Amino acid sequence: MRYAIVEKFVTLYTAAEASASANAASGSTPQAKSAAAAAKKFWDDVKTDTVAVVKYFATPQGGTAPTNAEGQELTTMKELNEWWTTHNKRNKAPWLDEKVDDKAGK
C-alpha cells in the first residue's frame, strides 16, 4: 500500500510542481496568464501536504525519511522523484516491510 501511494503521488505531483514552476508567469493572453497563475496557486496550496504525504509513506516503520546523498531531507517533488527512481523496486528497501499481493502484478 505504501508503495502504491508513493508511486501515484510522485507520478501525479512531480508534473504539477514542474508545471507550476515553469509556467508561473507565462502566457501570451490574459487567459493563459490566468491559467498559469491558477496552476501555481494550486501547487502552492498543496505542496507542503503533498511532500509530507510522500515522505510519510516512503518511510518504513521505524526507519528514516528519504534523504539526498548529503543526508538532507527532501523538500520538493523533483527531489522525491529522483529518490523514487532509485528506490522503486518492491523487493528492496524501503519496501521490504510491505506484503505484496502476487495478483497485484508488480
C-alpha atoms as a PDB file:
ATOM      1  CA  MET A   1       0.000   0.000   0.000  1.00  0.00           C
ATOM      2  CA  ARG A   2       2.801   2.457   0.866  1.00  0.00           C
ATOM      3  CA  TYR A   3       4.497   1.686  -2.435  1.00  0.00           C
ATOM      4  CA  ALA A   4       1.340   2.366  -4.468  1.00  0.00           C
ATOM      5  CA  ILE A   5       0.667   5.651  -2.675  1.00  0.00           C
ATOM      6  CA  VAL A   6       4.209   6.927  -3.186  1.00  0.00           C
ATOM      7  CA  GLU A   7       4.201   5.832  -6.829  1.00  0.00           C
ATOM      8  CA  LYS A   8       0.902   7.617  -7.529  1.00  0.00           C
ATOM      9  CA  PHE A   9       1.822  10.832  -5.711  1.00  0.00           C
ATOM     10  CA  VAL A  10       5.253  11.048  -7.351  1.00  0.00           C
ATOM     11  CA  THR A  11       3.726  10.427 -10.774  1.00  0.00           C
ATOM     12  CA  LEU A  12       0.944  12.988 -10.377  1.00  0.00           C
ATOM     13  CA  TYR A  13       2.553  15.779  -8.441  1.00  0.00           C
ATOM     14  CA  THR A  14       6.062  15.935  -9.907  1.00  0.00           C
ATOM     15  CA  ALA A  15       4.493  17.192 -13.124  1.00  0.00           C
ATOM     16  CA  ALA A  16       2.242  19.624 -11.244  1.00  0.00           C
ATOM     17  CA  GLU A  17       5.239  21.081  -9.423  1.00  0.00           C
ATOM     18  CA  ALA A  18       7.278  21.407 -12.618  1.00  0.00           C
ATOM     19  CA  SER A  19       4.391  22.988 -14.492  1.00  0.00           C
ATOM     20  CA  ALA A  20       3.683  25.463 -11.720  1.00  0.00           C
ATOM     21  CA  SER A  21       7.337  26.482 -11.532  1.00  0.00           C
ATOM     22  CA  ALA A  22       7.909  26.745 -15.271  1.00  0.00           C
ATOM     23  CA  ASN A  23       4.688  28.497 -16.173  1.00  0.00           C
ATOM     24  CA  ALA A  24       4.132  30.750 -13.165  1.00  0.00           C
ATOM     25  CA  ALA A  25       4.091  33.960 -15.151  1.00  0.00           C
ATOM     26  CA  SER A  26       3.911  32.721 -18.718  1.00  0.00           C
ATOM     27  CA  GLY A  27       1.202  33.085 -21.262  1.00  0.00           C
ATOM     28  CA  SER A  28       0.625  35.408 -24.152  1.00  0.00           C
ATOM     29  CA  THR A  29      -3.028  36.064 -23.434  1.00  0.00           C
ATOM     30  CA  PRO A  30      -4.796  37.074 -20.240  1.00  0.00           C
ATOM     31  CA  GLN A  31      -6.495  33.666 -20.166  1.00  0.00           C
ATOM     32  CA  ALA A  32      -3.171  31.836 -20.466  1.00  0.00           C
ATOM     33  CA  LYS A  33      -1.633  34.001 -17.746  1.00  0.00           C
ATOM     34  CA  SER A  34      -4.654  33.361 -15.534  1.00  0.00           C
ATOM     35  CA  ALA A  35      -4.410  29.593 -16.100  1.00  0.00           C
ATOM     36  CA  ALA A  36      -0.676  29.626 -15.283  1.00  0.00           C
ATOM     37  CA  ALA A  37      -1.326  31.638 -12.133  1.00  0.00           C
ATOM     38  CA  ALA A  38      -4.094  29.212 -11.104  1.00  0.00           C
ATOM     39  CA  ALA A  39      -1.775  26.232 -11.587  1.00  0.00           C
ATOM     40  CA  LYS A  40       0.888  27.926  -9.466  1.00  0.00           C
ATOM     41  CA  LYS A  41      -1.636  28.784  -6.748  1.00  0.00           C
ATOM     42  CA  PHE A  42      -2.906  25.192  -6.728  1.00  0.00           C
ATOM     43  CA  TRP A  43       0.624  23.852  -6.313  1.00  0.00           C
ATOM     44  CA  ASP A  44       1.460  26.413  -3.628  1.00  0.00           C
ATOM     45  CA  ASP A  45      -1.681  25.346  -1.729  1.00  0.00           C
ATOM     46  CA  VAL A  46      -0.947  21.594  -1.818  1.00  0.00           C
ATOM     47  CA  LYS A  47       2.869  21.463  -1.878  1.00  0.00           C
ATOM     48  CA  THR A  48       3.558  21.163   1.833  1.00  0.00           C
ATOM     49  CA  ASP A  49       0.980  18.444   2.423  1.00  0.00           C
ATOM     50  CA  THR A  50       1.843  16.544  -0.760  1.00  0.00           C
ATOM     51  CA  VAL A  51       5.553  16.365   0.073  1.00  0.00           C
ATOM     52  CA  ALA A  52       4.688  15.348   3.657  1.00  0.00           C
ATOM     53  CA  VAL A  53       2.431  12.517   2.439  1.00  0.00           C
ATOM     54  CA  VAL A  54       5.109  11.126   0.135  1.00  0.00           C
ATOM     55  CA  LYS A  55       7.776  11.305   2.830  1.00  0.00           C
ATOM     56  CA  TYR A  56       5.457   9.668   5.371  1.00  0.00           C
ATOM     57  CA  PHE A  57       4.580   6.716   3.145  1.00  0.00           C
ATOM     58  CA  ALA A  58       8.128   6.380   1.788  1.00  0.00           C
ATOM     59  CA  THR A  59       9.424   5.913   5.319  1.00  0.00           C
ATOM     60  CA  PRO A  60       9.349   2.322   6.577  1.00  0.00           C
ATOM     61  CA  GLN A  61       8.106   1.709  10.097  1.00  0.00           C
ATOM     62  CA  GLY A  62      10.944   2.585  12.437  1.00  0.00           C
ATOM     63  CA  GLY A  63      13.012   3.870   9.509  1.00  0.00           C
ATOM     64  CA  THR A  64      14.133   7.254   8.346  1.00  0.00           C
ATOM     65  CA  ALA A  65      12.569   9.564   5.789  1.00  0.00           C
ATOM     66  CA  PRO A  66      14.106   9.844   2.324  1.00  0.00           C
ATOM     67  CA  THR A  67      17.221  11.985   2.139  1.00  0.00           C
ATOM     68  CA  ASN A  68      19.648  13.109  -0.541  1.00  0.00           C
ATOM     69  CA  ALA A  69      23.277  11.993  -0.824  1.00  0.00           C
ATOM     70  CA  GLU A  70      24.311  14.594   1.774  1.00  0.00           C
ATOM     71  CA  GLY A  71      21.721  13.295   4.247  1.00  0.00           C
ATOM     72  CA  GLN A  72      19.439  16.319   3.887  1.00  0.00           C
ATOM     73  CA  GLU A  73      15.677  15.850   3.991  1.00  0.00           C
ATOM     74  CA  LEU A  74      13.948  16.071   0.615  1.00  0.00           C
ATOM     75  CA  THR A  75      11.627  19.054   0.262  1.00  0.00           C
ATOM     76  CA  THR A  76      10.398  19.060  -3.346  1.00  0.00           C
ATOM     77  CA  MET A  77       8.610  16.596  -5.582  1.00  0.00           C
ATOM     78  CA  LYS A  78      11.527  16.834  -8.021  1.00  0.00           C
ATOM     79  CA  GLU A  79      13.867  15.595  -5.293  1.00  0.00           C
ATOM     80  CA  LEU A  80      11.397  12.895  -4.254  1.00  0.00           C
ATOM     81  CA  ASN A  81      11.024  11.813  -7.881  1.00  0.00           C
ATOM     82  CA  GLU A  82      14.805  11.470  -8.179  1.00  0.00           C
ATOM     83  CA  TRP A  83      14.819   9.438  -4.940  1.00  0.00           C
ATOM     84  CA  TRP A  84      11.948   7.303  -6.306  1.00  0.00           C
ATOM     85  CA  THR A  85      13.883   6.376  -9.456  1.00  0.00           C
ATOM     86  CA  THR A  86      16.493   4.648  -7.319  1.00  0.00           C
ATOM     87  CA  HIS A  87      14.068   3.221  -4.737  1.00  0.00           C
ATOM     88  CA  ASN A  88      11.183   1.891  -6.820  1.00  0.00           C
ATOM     89  CA  LYS A  89      11.941  -1.828  -6.586  1.00  0.00           C
ATOM     90  CA  ARG A  90       9.402  -3.584  -4.355  1.00  0.00           C
ATOM     91  CA  ASN A  91      11.868  -6.244  -3.255  1.00  0.00           C
ATOM     92  CA  LYS A  92      14.381  -3.699  -1.938  1.00  0.00           C
ATOM     93  CA  ALA A  93      14.445  -1.117   0.847  1.00  0.00           C
ATOM     94  CA  PRO A  94      12.368   0.770   1.883  1.00  0.00           C
ATOM     95  CA  TRP A  95       9.520  -1.560   0.796  1.00  0.00           C
ATOM     96  CA  LEU A  96      10.664  -4.798   2.450  1.00  0.00           C
ATOM     97  CA  ASP A  97       8.196  -4.487   5.330  1.00  0.00           C
ATOM     98  CA  GLU A  98       5.256  -4.491   2.927  1.00  0.00           C
ATOM     99  CA  LYS A  99       3.440  -7.650   1.911  1.00  0.00           C
ATOM    100  CA  VAL A 100       2.984  -7.793  -1.848  1.00  0.00           C
ATOM    101  CA  ASP A 101      -0.091  -9.436  -3.338  1.00  0.00           C
ATOM    102  CA  ASP A 102       1.048 -11.753  -6.150  1.00  0.00           C
ATOM    103  CA  LYS A 103      -2.045 -10.720  -8.092  1.00  0.00           C
ATOM    104  CA  ALA A 104      -1.015  -7.075  -7.979  1.00  0.00           C
ATOM    105  CA  GLY A 105       1.328  -7.648 -10.904  1.00  0.00           C
ATOM    106  CA  LYS A 106       4.202  -5.548  -9.655  1.00  0.00           C
END
